[in-house]
Amino acid sequence: MSKLHQTAATLRFFGEALDPDEITALLGKPPTRSCRKGDERCLHGGGTAREPRGSWIRTVRRLSPGDLDAQIDNLLSDLTQDIAAWQALSERFQADLFCGLFLREGNEGLPVSPETLLALGMRGLKLDLDIYGPEAD
């Protein structure tokens, strides 16, 4: 099995009453993007829509070859190490680490270390994997 071609990682919080400023204050760093429920956003084809829920989203750059351990460490090490703060947030909001796995070939893979899995579990973060197969010729 060859190494995974590319990975993307994003820490996400969603909720009806989510206040991005509160999450920023608790975690210690600003999001890459955020919104409150009802904020107006521009649509790709023109026009606008209202956000159905609040969000706080922080991304790190994609890696090729893929390395989720490094990306997750990059995301979490820069934020608070107060596990109680993380647990409080994950109890109040939908919280996950959304990861894109991009394959170049049909059989690629990567390990995720026990330390990374423990760090996610202690914080109450669900690991959400979205796998993209190789492009057809």
C-alpha atoms as a PDB file:
ATOM      1  CA  MET A   1       0.000   0.000   0.000  1.00  0.00           C
ATOM      2  CA  SER A   2       1.418   3.383  -0.966  1.00  0.00           C
ATOM      3  CA  LYS A   3       1.234   6.590   1.064  1.00  0.00           C
ATOM      4  CA  LEU A   4      -1.921   8.633   0.801  1.00  0.00           C
ATOM      5  CA  HIS A   5      -1.530  11.279  -1.905  1.00  0.00           C
ATOM      6  CA  GLN A   6      -2.925  14.280  -0.005  1.00  0.00           C
ATOM      7  CA  THR A   7      -4.796  15.180   3.183  1.00  0.00           C
ATOM      8  CA  ALA A   8      -6.781  18.191   4.374  1.00  0.00           C
ATOM      9  CA  ALA A   9      -7.849  18.845   7.986  1.00  0.00           C
ATOM     10  CA  THR A  10     -10.395  21.269   9.423  1.00  0.00           C
ATOM     11  CA  LEU A  11     -11.568  21.758  13.012  1.00  0.00           C
ATOM     12  CA  ARG A  12     -15.279  22.628  13.039  1.00  0.00           C
ATOM     13  CA  PHE A  13     -17.932  23.715  15.540  1.00  0.00           C
ATOM     14  CA  PHE A  14     -21.591  24.212  14.540  1.00  0.00           C
ATOM     15  CA  GLY A  15     -24.638  25.262  16.545  1.00  0.00           C
ATOM     16  CA  GLU A  16     -27.842  27.264  16.618  1.00  0.00           C
ATOM     17  CA  ALA A  17     -26.625  29.586  19.383  1.00  0.00           C
ATOM     18  CA  LEU A  18     -22.928  29.466  18.487  1.00  0.00           C
ATOM     19  CA  ASP A  19     -21.053  32.726  19.116  1.00  0.00           C
ATOM     20  CA  PRO A  20     -17.706  32.597  17.263  1.00  0.00           C
ATOM     21  CA  ASP A  21     -16.180  35.156  19.638  1.00  0.00           C
ATOM     22  CA  GLU A  22     -16.871  32.878  22.620  1.00  0.00           C
ATOM     23  CA  ILE A  23     -15.133  29.930  20.963  1.00  0.00           C
ATOM     24  CA  THR A  24     -12.179  32.105  19.956  1.00  0.00           C
ATOM     25  CA  ALA A  25     -11.859  33.318  23.554  1.00  0.00           C
ATOM     26  CA  LEU A  26     -11.951  29.761  24.939  1.00  0.00           C
ATOM     27  CA  LEU A  27      -9.601  28.196  22.377  1.00  0.00           C
ATOM     28  CA  GLY A  28      -7.177  31.124  22.213  1.00  0.00           C
ATOM     29  CA  LYS A  29      -6.919  31.657  18.443  1.00  0.00           C
ATOM     30  CA  PRO A  30      -9.254  33.015  15.746  1.00  0.00           C
ATOM     31  CA  PRO A  31     -10.976  30.801  13.184  1.00  0.00           C
ATOM     32  CA  THR A  32     -10.176  30.708   9.489  1.00  0.00           C
ATOM     33  CA  ARG A  33     -13.836  31.602   8.962  1.00  0.00           C
ATOM     34  CA  SER A  34     -16.951  31.862  11.108  1.00  0.00           C
ATOM     35  CA  CYS A  35     -20.539  33.072  11.173  1.00  0.00           C
ATOM     36  CA  ARG A  36     -23.546  33.444  13.421  1.00  0.00           C
ATOM     37  CA  LYS A  37     -26.959  31.987  12.641  1.00  0.00           C
ATOM     38  CA  GLY A  38     -28.783  34.384  10.330  1.00  0.00           C
ATOM     39  CA  ASP A  39     -25.652  36.049   8.920  1.00  0.00           C
ATOM     40  CA  GLU A  40     -25.963  36.789   5.232  1.00  0.00           C
ATOM     41  CA  ARG A  41     -23.562  35.112   2.802  1.00  0.00           C
ATOM     42  CA  CYS A  42     -22.966  35.468  -0.922  1.00  0.00           C
ATOM     43  CA  LEU A  43     -23.811  32.543  -3.179  1.00  0.00           C
ATOM     44  CA  HIS A  44     -21.542  31.418  -6.028  1.00  0.00           C
ATOM     45  CA  GLY A  45     -24.173  32.099  -8.694  1.00  0.00           C
ATOM     46  CA  GLY A  46     -25.049  35.507  -7.266  1.00  0.00           C
ATOM     47  CA  GLY A  47     -27.609  36.416  -4.662  1.00  0.00           C
ATOM     48  CA  THR A  48     -27.459  35.832  -0.934  1.00  0.00           C
ATOM     49  CA  ALA A  49     -28.625  33.352   1.685  1.00  0.00           C
ATOM     50  CA  ARG A  50     -28.920  33.346   5.469  1.00  0.00           C
ATOM     51  CA  GLU A  51     -26.699  31.000   7.481  1.00  0.00           C
ATOM     52  CA  PRO A  52     -28.886  28.253   9.012  1.00  0.00           C
ATOM     53  CA  ARG A  53     -26.592  27.900  12.062  1.00  0.00           C
ATOM     54  CA  GLY A  54     -23.465  29.396  13.554  1.00  0.00           C
ATOM     55  CA  SER A  55     -20.030  28.034  12.753  1.00  0.00           C
ATOM     56  CA  TRP A  56     -16.389  28.322  13.831  1.00  0.00           C
ATOM     57  CA  ILE A  57     -13.946  26.730  11.382  1.00  0.00           C
ATOM     58  CA  ARG A  58     -10.142  26.543  11.486  1.00  0.00           C
ATOM     59  CA  THR A  59      -8.132  24.916   8.714  1.00  0.00           C
ATOM     60  CA  VAL A  60      -4.507  24.039   8.110  1.00  0.00           C
ATOM     61  CA  ARG A  61      -2.794  23.696   4.748  1.00  0.00           C
ATOM     62  CA  ARG A  62      -3.122  20.495   2.762  1.00  0.00           C
ATOM     63  CA  LEU A  63      -0.199  18.084   2.869  1.00  0.00           C
ATOM     64  CA  SER A  64       1.137  15.933   0.072  1.00  0.00           C
ATOM     65  CA  PRO A  65       1.992  13.209   0.810  1.00  0.00           C
ATOM     66  CA  GLY A  66      -0.806  13.040   3.352  1.00  0.00           C
ATOM     67  CA  ASP A  67      -0.033  13.286   7.084  1.00  0.00           C
ATOM     68  CA  LEU A  68      -3.093  13.629   9.330  1.00  0.00           C
ATOM     69  CA  ASP A  69      -1.051  13.272  12.520  1.00  0.00           C
ATOM     70  CA  ALA A  70       0.970  16.388  11.601  1.00  0.00           C
ATOM     71  CA  GLN A  71      -2.090  18.372  10.535  1.00  0.00           C
ATOM     72  CA  ILE A  72      -4.086  17.495  13.642  1.00  0.00           C
ATOM     73  CA  ASP A  73      -1.098  18.320  15.854  1.00  0.00           C
ATOM     74  CA  ASN A  74      -0.775  21.639  14.019  1.00  0.00           C
ATOM     75  CA  LEU A  75      -4.448  22.433  14.691  1.00  0.00           C
ATOM     76  CA  LEU A  76      -4.585  21.339  18.337  1.00  0.00           C
ATOM     77  CA  SER A  77      -1.163  22.446  19.595  1.00  0.00           C
ATOM     78  CA  ASP A  78      -1.893  26.057  18.673  1.00  0.00           C
ATOM     79  CA  LEU A  79      -5.093  26.115  20.744  1.00  0.00           C
ATOM     80  CA  THR A  80      -5.810  25.847  24.471  1.00  0.00           C
ATOM     81  CA  GLN A  81      -4.691  22.694  26.251  1.00  0.00           C
ATOM     82  CA  ASP A  82      -7.535  23.103  28.790  1.00  0.00           C
ATOM     83  CA  ILE A  83      -9.420  19.838  28.224  1.00  0.00           C
ATOM     84  CA  ALA A  84     -12.398  21.048  30.297  1.00  0.00           C
ATOM     85  CA  ALA A  85     -12.880  23.979  27.878  1.00  0.00           C
ATOM     86  CA  TRP A  86     -12.832  21.594  24.891  1.00  0.00           C
ATOM     87  CA  GLN A  87     -15.282  19.212  26.558  1.00  0.00           C
ATOM     88  CA  ALA A  88     -17.656  22.057  27.391  1.00  0.00           C
ATOM     89  CA  LEU A  89     -17.639  23.191  23.766  1.00  0.00           C
ATOM     90  CA  SER A  90     -18.106  19.692  22.344  1.00  0.00           C
ATOM     91  CA  GLU A  91     -21.061  19.110  24.696  1.00  0.00           C
ATOM     92  CA  ARG A  92     -22.789  22.335  23.587  1.00  0.00           C
ATOM     93  CA  PHE A  93     -22.018  22.243  19.879  1.00  0.00           C
ATOM     94  CA  GLN A  94     -21.544  19.778  17.056  1.00  0.00           C
ATOM     95  CA  ALA A  95     -17.738  19.436  17.070  1.00  0.00           C
ATOM     96  CA  ASP A  96     -15.545  17.490  14.706  1.00  0.00           C
ATOM     97  CA  LEU A  97     -12.288  17.247  12.883  1.00  0.00           C
ATOM     98  CA  PHE A  98     -13.226  17.012   9.207  1.00  0.00           C
ATOM     99  CA  CYS A  99     -10.521  15.397   7.068  1.00  0.00           C
ATOM    100  CA  GLY A 100     -10.299  15.032   3.322  1.00  0.00           C
ATOM    101  CA  LEU A 101      -8.310  12.025   2.084  1.00  0.00           C
ATOM    102  CA  PHE A 102      -7.314  12.371  -1.581  1.00  0.00           C
ATOM    103  CA  LEU A 103      -6.136   9.244  -3.386  1.00  0.00           C
ATOM    104  CA  ARG A 104      -4.061   9.230  -6.548  1.00  0.00           C
ATOM    105  CA  GLU A 105      -4.198   5.422  -6.865  1.00  0.00           C
ATOM    106  CA  GLY A 106      -6.739   2.818  -5.829  1.00  0.00           C
ATOM    107  CA  ASN A 107      -4.871   1.489  -2.799  1.00  0.00           C
ATOM    108  CA  GLU A 108      -3.386   4.192  -0.587  1.00  0.00           C
ATOM    109  CA  GLY A 109      -3.470   4.611   3.147  1.00  0.00           C
ATOM    110  CA  LEU A 110      -2.054   6.282   6.213  1.00  0.00           C
ATOM    111  CA  PRO A 111      -1.890   5.529   9.917  1.00  0.00           C
ATOM    112  CA  VAL A 112      -3.330   7.730  12.658  1.00  0.00           C
ATOM    113  CA  SER A 113      -1.357   7.432  15.882  1.00  0.00           C
ATOM    114  CA  PRO A 114      -2.842   6.476  19.249  1.00  0.00           C
ATOM    115  CA  GLU A 115      -1.684   9.864  20.584  1.00  0.00           C
ATOM    116  CA  THR A 116      -3.706  11.687  17.926  1.00  0.00           C
ATOM    117  CA  LEU A 117      -6.791   9.561  18.557  1.00  0.00           C
ATOM    118  CA  LEU A 118      -6.470  10.159  22.312  1.00  0.00           C
ATOM    119  CA  ALA A 119      -6.126  13.930  21.790  1.00  0.00           C
ATOM    120  CA  LEU A 120      -9.338  13.964  19.726  1.00  0.00           C
ATOM    121  CA  GLY A 121     -11.227  11.735  22.152  1.00  0.00           C
ATOM    122  CA  MET A 122     -10.232  13.750  25.225  1.00  0.00           C
ATOM    123  CA  ARG A 123     -11.569  16.889  23.529  1.00  0.00           C
ATOM    124  CA  GLY A 124     -14.833  15.226  22.502  1.00  0.00           C
ATOM    125  CA  LEU A 125     -14.069  15.669  18.799  1.00  0.00           C
ATOM    126  CA  LYS A 126     -15.524  13.262  16.251  1.00  0.00           C
ATOM    127  CA  LEU A 127     -13.151  12.257  13.435  1.00  0.00           C
ATOM    128  CA  ASP A 128     -15.014  12.738  10.122  1.00  0.00           C
ATOM    129  CA  LEU A 129     -13.217  11.261   7.084  1.00  0.00           C
ATOM    130  CA  ASP A 130     -14.231  12.174   3.534  1.00  0.00           C
ATOM    131  CA  ILE A 131     -12.427   9.941   0.996  1.00  0.00           C
ATOM    132  CA  TYR A 132     -11.907  11.034  -2.610  1.00  0.00           C
ATOM    133  CA  GLY A 133     -10.938   8.281  -5.036  1.00  0.00           C
ATOM    134  CA  PRO A 134      -8.560   8.684  -7.957  1.00  0.00           C
ATOM    135  CA  GLU A 135      -9.848  10.622 -10.956  1.00  0.00           C
ATOM    136  CA  ALA A 136     -10.913   8.481 -13.919  1.00  0.00           C
ATOM    137  CA  ASP A 137      -8.869   9.000 -17.089  1.00  0.00           C
END
